[in-house]
């Protein structure tokens, strides 16, 4: 089965284990979905965020993970709960 044809088990998604880091780049687990597609190349993969770009963090509207909003207007959805996101941002 190729990566493109691989089915995502939405009930078995896990947050990535990330070591404590220093610096302005933090790693999270991407929870972004491509609407209307079975092909989800980003879901469950690492996403690295420059914490200098973060404007705010909120619990996700669908109650799965956290929405991270940037000063440039981008929003990233990550699987980690808001407490873990704020902890990593403040490491």
PDB file of N, CA and C in Angstrom:
ATOM      1  N   UNK A   1       0.851  -1.174   0.000  1.00  0.00           N
ATOM      2  CA  UNK A   1       0.000   0.000   0.000  1.00  0.00           C
ATOM      3  C   UNK A   1       0.899   1.240   0.000  1.00  0.00           C
ATOM      4  N   UNK A   2       0.707   2.116  -0.936  1.00  0.00           N
ATOM      5  CA  UNK A   2       1.524   3.323  -1.011  1.00  0.00           C
ATOM      6  C   UNK A   2       1.093   4.328   0.044  1.00  0.00           C
ATOM      7  N   UNK A   3       1.966   5.284   0.305  1.00  0.00           N
ATOM      8  CA  UNK A   3       1.676   6.328   1.297  1.00  0.00           C
ATOM      9  C   UNK A   3       0.391   7.067   0.941  1.00  0.00           C
ATOM     10  N   UNK A   4       0.165   7.299  -0.347  1.00  0.00           N
ATOM     11  CA  UNK A   4      -1.016   8.044  -0.767  1.00  0.00           C
ATOM     12  C   UNK A   4      -2.297   7.241  -0.552  1.00  0.00           C
ATOM     13  N   UNK A   5      -2.221   5.916  -0.661  1.00  0.00           N
ATOM     14  CA  UNK A   5      -3.396   5.070  -0.504  1.00  0.00           C
ATOM     15  C   UNK A   5      -3.578   4.568   0.924  1.00  0.00           C
ATOM     16  N   UNK A   6      -2.671   4.898   1.791  1.00  0.00           N
ATOM     17  CA  UNK A   6      -2.711   4.435   3.176  1.00  0.00           C
ATOM     18  C   UNK A   6      -3.894   5.059   3.910  1.00  0.00           C
ATOM     19  N   UNK A   7      -4.695   4.234   4.551  1.00  0.00           N
ATOM     20  CA  UNK A   7      -5.853   4.722   5.314  1.00  0.00           C
ATOM     21  C   UNK A   7      -5.393   5.184   6.692  1.00  0.00           C
ATOM     22  N   UNK A   8      -5.949   6.262   7.152  1.00  0.00           N
ATOM     23  CA  UNK A   8      -5.642   6.806   8.467  1.00  0.00           C
ATOM     24  C   UNK A   8      -6.608   6.219   9.480  1.00  0.00           C
ATOM     25  N   UNK A   9      -6.079   5.674  10.558  1.00  0.00           N
ATOM     26  CA  UNK A   9      -6.910   5.192  11.655  1.00  0.00           C
ATOM     27  C   UNK A   9      -7.081   6.355  12.633  1.00  0.00           C
ATOM     28  N   UNK A  10      -8.159   7.112  12.480  1.00  0.00           N
ATOM     29  CA  UNK A  10      -8.375   8.306  13.292  1.00  0.00           C
ATOM     30  C   UNK A  10      -8.552   7.989  14.776  1.00  0.00           C
ATOM     31  N   UNK A  11      -8.863   6.754  15.105  1.00  0.00           N
ATOM     32  CA  UNK A  11      -9.043   6.364  16.508  1.00  0.00           C
ATOM     33  C   UNK A  11      -7.735   5.953  17.164  1.00  0.00           C
ATOM     34  N   UNK A  12      -6.656   5.902  16.387  1.00  0.00           N
ATOM     35  CA  UNK A  12      -5.392   5.434  16.929  1.00  0.00           C
ATOM     36  C   UNK A  12      -4.263   6.444  16.703  1.00  0.00           C
ATOM     37  N   UNK A  13      -4.577   7.723  16.671  1.00  0.00           N
ATOM     38  CA  UNK A  13      -3.561   8.754  16.511  1.00  0.00           C
ATOM     39  C   UNK A  13      -2.921   9.050  17.852  1.00  0.00           C
ATOM     40  N   UNK A  14      -1.609   9.196  17.843  1.00  0.00           N
ATOM     41  CA  UNK A  14      -0.880   9.441  19.085  1.00  0.00           C
ATOM     42  C   UNK A  14      -0.023  10.695  18.960  1.00  0.00           C
ATOM     43  N   UNK A  15       0.133  11.381  20.072  1.00  0.00           N
ATOM     44  CA  UNK A  15       0.988  12.555  20.139  1.00  0.00           C
ATOM     45  C   UNK A  15       2.439  12.088  20.074  1.00  0.00           C
ATOM     46  N   UNK A  16       3.271  12.809  19.322  1.00  0.00           N
ATOM     47  CA  UNK A  16       4.685  12.473  19.224  1.00  0.00           C
ATOM     48  C   UNK A  16       5.388  12.696  20.560  1.00  0.00           C
ATOM     49  N   UNK A  17       6.358  11.849  20.855  1.00  0.00           N
ATOM     50  CA  UNK A  17       7.178  12.049  22.048  1.00  0.00           C
ATOM     51  C   UNK A  17       8.284  13.026  21.678  1.00  0.00           C
ATOM     52  N   UNK A  18       8.341  14.145  22.376  1.00  0.00           N
ATOM     53  CA  UNK A  18       9.290  15.202  22.058  1.00  0.00           C
ATOM     54  C   UNK A  18      10.142  15.482  23.283  1.00  0.00           C
ATOM     55  N   UNK A  19      11.458  15.527  23.086  1.00  0.00           N
ATOM     56  CA  UNK A  19      12.361  15.848  24.191  1.00  0.00           C
ATOM     57  C   UNK A  19      12.308  17.340  24.479  1.00  0.00           C
ATOM     58  N   UNK A  20      12.599  17.695  25.723  1.00  0.00           N
ATOM     59  CA  UNK A  20      12.642  19.099  26.121  1.00  0.00           C
ATOM     60  C   UNK A  20      13.688  19.816  25.278  1.00  0.00           C
ATOM     61  N   UNK A  21      13.337  20.990  24.776  1.00  0.00           N
ATOM     62  CA  UNK A  21      14.236  21.732  23.903  1.00  0.00           C
ATOM     63  C   UNK A  21      14.476  23.134  24.430  1.00  0.00           C
ATOM     64  N   UNK A  22      15.567  23.710  23.989  1.00  0.00           N
ATOM     65  CA  UNK A  22      15.853  25.115  24.264  1.00  0.00           C
ATOM     66  C   UNK A  22      15.824  25.826  22.927  1.00  0.00           C
ATOM     67  N   UNK A  23      15.457  27.073  22.939  1.00  0.00           N
ATOM     68  CA  UNK A  23      15.431  27.828  21.689  1.00  0.00           C
ATOM     69  C   UNK A  23      14.022  28.161  21.259  1.00  0.00           C
ATOM     70  N   UNK A  24      13.934  28.790  20.101  1.00  0.00           N
ATOM     71  CA  UNK A  24      12.642  29.308  19.667  1.00  0.00           C
ATOM     72  C   UNK A  24      11.861  28.378  18.754  1.00  0.00           C
ATOM     73  N   UNK A  25      12.388  27.201  18.411  1.00  0.00           N
ATOM     74  CA  UNK A  25      11.677  26.262  17.556  1.00  0.00           C
ATOM     75  C   UNK A  25      11.202  25.071  18.379  1.00  0.00           C
ATOM     76  N   UNK A  26       9.894  24.833  18.378  1.00  0.00           N
ATOM     77  CA  UNK A  26       9.289  23.760  19.168  1.00  0.00           C
ATOM     78  C   UNK A  26       8.561  22.802  18.240  1.00  0.00           C
ATOM     79  N   UNK A  27       8.614  21.522  18.570  1.00  0.00           N
ATOM     80  CA  UNK A  27       7.982  20.483  17.765  1.00  0.00           C
ATOM     81  C   UNK A  27       6.674  20.048  18.392  1.00  0.00           C
ATOM     82  N   UNK A  28       5.664  19.899  17.548  1.00  0.00           N
ATOM     83  CA  UNK A  28       4.348  19.427  17.963  1.00  0.00           C
ATOM     84  C   UNK A  28       3.889  18.361  16.982  1.00  0.00           C
ATOM     85  N   UNK A  29       2.736  17.753  17.255  1.00  0.00           N
ATOM     86  CA  UNK A  29       2.152  16.745  16.378  1.00  0.00           C
ATOM     87  C   UNK A  29       1.063  17.398  15.542  1.00  0.00           C
ATOM     88  N   UNK A  30       1.237  17.388  14.234  1.00  0.00           N
ATOM     89  CA  UNK A  30       0.303  18.046  13.332  1.00  0.00           C
ATOM     90  C   UNK A  30      -1.061  17.354  13.360  1.00  0.00           C
ATOM     91  N   UNK A  31      -2.119  18.132  13.511  1.00  0.00           N
ATOM     92  CA  UNK A  31      -3.486  17.607  13.513  1.00  0.00           C
ATOM     93  C   UNK A  31      -4.303  18.200  12.369  1.00  0.00           C
ATOM     94  N   UNK A  32      -3.620  18.823  11.400  1.00  0.00           N
ATOM     95  CA  UNK A  32      -4.311  19.430  10.268  1.00  0.00           C
ATOM     96  C   UNK A  32      -4.850  18.369   9.326  1.00  0.00           C
ATOM     97  N   UNK A  33      -6.073  18.587   8.859  1.00  0.00           N
ATOM     98  CA  UNK A  33      -6.721  17.674   7.924  1.00  0.00           C
ATOM     99  C   UNK A  33      -6.956  18.363   6.585  1.00  0.00           C
ATOM    100  N   UNK A  34      -6.890  17.593   5.514  1.00  0.00           N
ATOM    101  CA  UNK A  34      -7.287  18.080   4.201  1.00  0.00           C
ATOM    102  C   UNK A  34      -8.747  17.672   4.042  1.00  0.00           C
ATOM    103  N   UNK A  35      -9.675  18.628   4.055  1.00  0.00           N
ATOM    104  CA  UNK A  35     -11.100  18.298   3.987  1.00  0.00           C
ATOM    105  C   UNK A  35     -11.465  17.505   2.735  1.00  0.00           C
ATOM    106  N   UNK A  36     -12.312  16.490   2.907  1.00  0.00           N
ATOM    107  CA  UNK A  36     -12.825  15.716   1.795  1.00  0.00           C
ATOM    108  C   UNK A  36     -11.835  14.768   1.145  1.00  0.00           C
ATOM    109  N   UNK A  37     -10.736  14.476   1.828  1.00  0.00           N
ATOM    110  CA  UNK A  37      -9.718  13.604   1.253  1.00  0.00           C
ATOM    111  C   UNK A  37      -9.371  12.467   2.205  1.00  0.00           C
ATOM    112  N   UNK A  38      -9.152  11.281   1.646  1.00  0.00           N
ATOM    113  CA  UNK A  38      -8.647  10.170   2.443  1.00  0.00           C
ATOM    114  C   UNK A  38      -7.132  10.271   2.594  1.00  0.00           C
ATOM    115  N   UNK A  39      -6.490  11.037   1.736  1.00  0.00           N
ATOM    116  CA  UNK A  39      -5.041  11.229   1.772  1.00  0.00           C
ATOM    117  C   UNK A  39      -4.715  12.345   2.750  1.00  0.00           C
ATOM    118  N   UNK A  40      -4.074  12.004   3.855  1.00  0.00           N
ATOM    119  CA  UNK A  40      -3.739  12.964   4.900  1.00  0.00           C
ATOM    120  C   UNK A  40      -2.230  12.912   5.168  1.00  0.00           C
ATOM    121  N   UNK A  41      -1.430  13.559   4.323  1.00  0.00           N
ATOM    122  CA  UNK A  41       0.026  13.438   4.440  1.00  0.00           C
ATOM    123  C   UNK A  41       0.635  14.144   5.650  1.00  0.00           C
ATOM    124  N   UNK A  42      -0.078  15.049   6.288  1.00  0.00           N
ATOM    125  CA  UNK A  42       0.479  15.836   7.390  1.00  0.00           C
ATOM    126  C   UNK A  42       0.013  15.353   8.759  1.00  0.00           C
ATOM    127  N   UNK A  43      -1.108  14.701   8.805  1.00  0.00           N
ATOM    128  CA  UNK A  43      -1.714  14.271  10.060  1.00  0.00           C
ATOM    129  C   UNK A  43      -0.802  13.316  10.818  1.00  0.00           C
ATOM    130  N   UNK A  44      -0.507  13.666  12.063  1.00  0.00           N
ATOM    131  CA  UNK A  44       0.317  12.818  12.909  1.00  0.00           C
ATOM    132  C   UNK A  44       1.808  12.995  12.732  1.00  0.00           C
ATOM    133  N   UNK A  45       2.214  13.860  11.809  1.00  0.00           N
ATOM    134  CA  UNK A  45       3.639  14.116  11.555  1.00  0.00           C
ATOM    135  C   UNK A  45       4.100  15.299  12.407  1.00  0.00           C
ATOM    136  N   UNK A  46       5.394  15.433  12.512  1.00  0.00           N
ATOM    137  CA  UNK A  46       5.963  16.544  13.278  1.00  0.00           C
ATOM    138  C   UNK A  46       5.759  17.862  12.546  1.00  0.00           C
ATOM    139  N   UNK A  47       5.459  18.896  13.324  1.00  0.00           N
ATOM    140  CA  UNK A  47       5.398  20.253  12.804  1.00  0.00           C
ATOM    141  C   UNK A  47       6.237  21.108  13.753  1.00  0.00           C
ATOM    142  N   UNK A  48       7.128  21.908  13.191  1.00  0.00           N
ATOM    143  CA  UNK A  48       8.019  22.748  13.985  1.00  0.00           C
ATOM    144  C   UNK A  48       7.539  24.187  13.867  1.00  0.00           C
ATOM    145  N   UNK A  49       7.341  24.813  15.024  1.00  0.00           N
ATOM    146  CA  UNK A  49       6.799  26.162  15.075  1.00  0.00           C
ATOM    147  C   UNK A  49       7.817  27.093  15.732  1.00  0.00           C
ATOM    148  N   UNK A  50       8.017  28.245  15.119  1.00  0.00           N
ATOM    149  CA  UNK A  50       8.850  29.296  15.696  1.00  0.00           C
ATOM    150  C   UNK A  50       8.004  30.008  16.742  1.00  0.00           C
ATOM    151  N   UNK A  51       8.372  29.891  18.011  1.00  0.00           N
ATOM    152  CA  UNK A  51       7.527  30.465  19.064  1.00  0.00           C
ATOM    153  C   UNK A  51       7.490  31.988  19.041  1.00  0.00           C
ATOM    154  N   UNK A  52       8.442  32.612  18.344  1.00  0.00           N
ATOM    155  CA  UNK A  52       8.401  34.066  18.195  1.00  0.00           C
ATOM    156  C   UNK A  52       7.215  34.499  17.331  1.00  0.00           C
ATOM    157  N   UNK A  53       6.649  33.578  16.550  1.00  0.00           N
ATOM    158  CA  UNK A  53       5.531  33.873  15.661  1.00  0.00           C
ATOM    159  C   UNK A  53       4.167  33.637  16.317  1.00  0.00           C
ATOM    160  N   UNK A  54       4.150  33.044  17.510  1.00  0.00           N
ATOM    161  CA  UNK A  54       2.877  32.687  18.141  1.00  0.00           C
ATOM    162  C   UNK A  54       2.223  33.919  18.765  1.00  0.00           C
ATOM    163  N   UNK A  55       0.975  34.111  18.399  1.00  0.00           N
ATOM    164  CA  UNK A  55       0.167  35.187  18.961  1.00  0.00           C
ATOM    165  C   UNK A  55      -0.663  34.673  20.130  1.00  0.00           C
ATOM    166  N   UNK A  56      -1.294  33.494  19.929  1.00  0.00           N
ATOM    167  CA  UNK A  56      -2.151  32.935  20.974  1.00  0.00           C
ATOM    168  C   UNK A  56      -2.364  31.447  20.747  1.00  0.00           C
ATOM    169  N   UNK A  57      -2.798  30.766  21.796  1.00  0.00           N
ATOM    170  CA  UNK A  57      -3.165  29.357  21.709  1.00  0.00           C
ATOM    171  C   UNK A  57      -4.525  29.175  22.367  1.00  0.00           C
ATOM    172  N   UNK A  58      -5.356  28.336  21.749  1.00  0.00           N
ATOM    173  CA  UNK A  58      -6.701  28.069  22.257  1.00  0.00           C
ATOM    174  C   UNK A  58      -6.997  26.585  22.111  1.00  0.00           C
ATOM    175  N   UNK A  59      -7.840  26.031  22.993  1.00  0.00           N
ATOM    176  CA  UNK A  59      -8.302  24.661  22.747  1.00  0.00           C
ATOM    177  C   UNK A  59      -9.013  24.633  21.394  1.00  0.00           C
ATOM    178  N   UNK A  60      -8.819  23.574  20.649  1.00  0.00           N
ATOM    179  CA  UNK A  60      -9.408  23.463  19.324  1.00  0.00           C
ATOM    180  C   UNK A  60     -10.930  23.443  19.401  1.00  0.00           C
ATOM    181  N   UNK A  61     -11.575  24.020  18.389  1.00  0.00           N
ATOM    182  CA  UNK A  61     -13.039  24.094  18.361  1.00  0.00           C
ATOM    183  C   UNK A  61     -13.698  22.723  18.334  1.00  0.00           C
ATOM    184  N   UNK A  62     -13.030  21.733  17.732  1.00  0.00           N
ATOM    185  CA  UNK A  62     -13.610  20.387  17.677  1.00  0.00           C
ATOM    186  C   UNK A  62     -13.191  19.531  18.880  1.00  0.00           C
ATOM    187  N   UNK A  63     -12.580  20.173  19.871  1.00  0.00           N
ATOM    188  CA  UNK A  63     -12.182  19.544  21.134  1.00  0.00           C
ATOM    189  C   UNK A  63     -11.098  18.493  20.958  1.00  0.00           C
ATOM    190  N   UNK A  64     -10.360  18.553  19.856  1.00  0.00           N
ATOM    191  CA  UNK A  64      -9.222  17.663  19.634  1.00  0.00           C
ATOM    192  C   UNK A  64      -7.986  18.535  19.520  1.00  0.00           C
ATOM    193  N   UNK A  65      -7.136  18.517  20.532  1.00  0.00           N
ATOM    194  CA  UNK A  65      -5.891  19.267  20.477  1.00  0.00           C
ATOM    195  C   UNK A  65      -6.047  20.756  20.698  1.00  0.00           C
ATOM    196  N   UNK A  66      -5.136  21.503  20.050  1.00  0.00           N
ATOM    197  CA  UNK A  66      -5.006  22.934  20.293  1.00  0.00           C
ATOM    198  C   UNK A  66      -4.808  23.679  18.980  1.00  0.00           C
ATOM    199  N   UNK A  67      -5.367  24.861  18.883  1.00  0.00           N
ATOM    200  CA  UNK A  67      -5.127  25.756  17.751  1.00  0.00           C
ATOM    201  C   UNK A  67      -4.075  26.772  18.165  1.00  0.00           C
ATOM    202  N   UNK A  68      -3.057  26.911  17.327  1.00  0.00           N
ATOM    203  CA  UNK A  68      -1.964  27.852  17.579  1.00  0.00           C
ATOM    204  C   UNK A  68      -2.059  28.927  16.508  1.00  0.00           C
ATOM    205  N   UNK A  69      -2.235  30.168  16.927  1.00  0.00           N
ATOM    206  CA  UNK A  69      -2.419  31.287  15.995  1.00  0.00           C
ATOM    207  C   UNK A  69      -1.132  32.114  15.929  1.00  0.00           C
ATOM    208  N   UNK A  70      -0.750  32.498  14.701  1.00  0.00           N
ATOM    209  CA  UNK A  70       0.485  33.259  14.521  1.00  0.00           C
ATOM    210  C   UNK A  70       0.197  34.736  14.297  1.00  0.00           C
ATOM    211  N   UNK A  71       1.235  35.525  14.448  1.00  0.00           N
ATOM    212  CA  UNK A  71       1.101  36.964  14.233  1.00  0.00           C
ATOM    213  C   UNK A  71       0.883  37.287  12.763  1.00  0.00           C
ATOM    214  N   UNK A  72       1.219  36.341  11.867  1.00  0.00           N
ATOM    215  CA  UNK A  72       1.030  36.568  10.428  1.00  0.00           C
ATOM    216  C   UNK A  72      -0.333  36.081   9.930  1.00  0.00           C
ATOM    217  N   UNK A  73      -1.186  35.598  10.856  1.00  0.00           N
ATOM    218  CA  UNK A  73      -2.530  35.193  10.475  1.00  0.00           C
ATOM    219  C   UNK A  73      -2.701  33.706  10.213  1.00  0.00           C
ATOM    220  N   UNK A  74      -1.625  32.932  10.290  1.00  0.00           N
ATOM    221  CA  UNK A  74      -1.733  31.489  10.105  1.00  0.00           C
ATOM    222  C   UNK A  74      -2.262  30.835  11.372  1.00  0.00           C
ATOM    223  N   UNK A  75      -2.914  29.693  11.199  1.00  0.00           N
ATOM    224  CA  UNK A  75      -3.339  28.890  12.337  1.00  0.00           C
ATOM    225  C   UNK A  75      -2.872  27.469  12.108  1.00  0.00           C
ATOM    226  N   UNK A  76      -2.236  26.895  13.125  1.00  0.00           N
ATOM    227  CA  UNK A  76      -1.805  25.510  13.076  1.00  0.00           C
ATOM    228  C   UNK A  76      -2.626  24.742  14.090  1.00  0.00           C
ATOM    229  N   UNK A  77      -3.046  23.548  13.718  1.00  0.00           N
ATOM    230  CA  UNK A  77      -3.754  22.689  14.658  1.00  0.00           C
ATOM    231  C   UNK A  77      -2.808  21.567  15.051  1.00  0.00           C
ATOM    232  N   UNK A  78      -2.633  21.389  16.357  1.00  0.00           N
ATOM    233  CA  UNK A  78      -1.746  20.349  16.865  1.00  0.00           C
ATOM    234  C   UNK A  78      -2.527  19.414  17.779  1.00  0.00           C
ATOM    235  N   UNK A  79      -2.077  18.159  17.881  1.00  0.00           N
ATOM    236  CA  UNK A  79      -2.787  17.167  18.688  1.00  0.00           C
ATOM    237  C   UNK A  79      -2.611  17.357  20.189  1.00  0.00           C
ATOM    238  N   UNK A  80      -1.532  17.986  20.590  1.00  0.00           N
ATOM    239  CA  UNK A  80      -1.279  18.164  22.019  1.00  0.00           C
ATOM    240  C   UNK A  80      -2.342  19.050  22.658  1.00  0.00           C
ATOM    241  N   UNK A  81      -2.664  18.721  23.894  1.00  0.00           N
ATOM    242  CA  UNK A  81      -3.615  19.533  24.651  1.00  0.00           C
ATOM    243  C   UNK A  81      -2.959  20.861  25.011  1.00  0.00           C
ATOM    244  N   UNK A  82      -3.771  21.858  25.298  1.00  0.00           N
ATOM    245  CA  UNK A  82      -3.284  23.221  25.516  1.00  0.00           C
ATOM    246  C   UNK A  82      -2.257  23.304  26.645  1.00  0.00           C
ATOM    247  N   UNK A  83      -2.408  22.511  27.702  1.00  0.00           N
ATOM    248  CA  UNK A  83      -1.441  22.557  28.802  1.00  0.00           C
ATOM    249  C   UNK A  83      -0.045  22.146  28.340  1.00  0.00           C
ATOM    250  N   UNK A  84       0.032  21.112  27.510  1.00  0.00           N
ATOM    251  CA  UNK A  84       1.319  20.659  26.992  1.00  0.00           C
ATOM    252  C   UNK A  84       1.894  21.666  26.001  1.00  0.00           C
ATOM    253  N   UNK A  85       1.046  22.276  25.189  1.00  0.00           N
ATOM    254  CA  UNK A  85       1.506  23.291  24.232  1.00  0.00           C
ATOM    255  C   UNK A  85       2.120  24.468  24.976  1.00  0.00           C
ATOM    256  N   UNK A  86       1.438  24.971  25.980  1.00  0.00           N
ATOM    257  CA  UNK A  86       1.974  26.117  26.727  1.00  0.00           C
ATOM    258  C   UNK A  86       3.237  25.739  27.491  1.00  0.00           C
ATOM    259  N   UNK A  87       3.305  24.517  27.964  1.00  0.00           N
ATOM    260  CA  UNK A  87       4.523  24.048  28.650  1.00  0.00           C
ATOM    261  C   UNK A  87       5.712  24.038  27.682  1.00  0.00           C
ATOM    262  N   UNK A  88       5.500  23.508  26.482  1.00  0.00           N
ATOM    263  CA  UNK A  88       6.597  23.476  25.488  1.00  0.00           C
ATOM    264  C   UNK A  88       6.999  24.883  25.057  1.00  0.00           C
ATOM    265  N   UNK A  89       6.029  25.754  24.892  1.00  0.00           N
ATOM    266  CA  UNK A  89       6.346  27.131  24.495  1.00  0.00           C
ATOM    267  C   UNK A  89       7.218  27.811  25.544  1.00  0.00           C
ATOM    268  N   UNK A  90       6.965  27.490  26.807  1.00  0.00           N
ATOM    269  CA  UNK A  90       7.681  28.147  27.905  1.00  0.00           C
ATOM    270  C   UNK A  90       8.916  27.403  28.389  1.00  0.00           C
ATOM    271  N   UNK A  91       9.333  26.330  27.698  1.00  0.00           N
ATOM    272  CA  UNK A  91      10.534  25.590  28.103  1.00  0.00           C
ATOM    273  C   UNK A  91      11.755  26.472  28.035  1.00  0.00           C
TER     274      UNK A  91
END
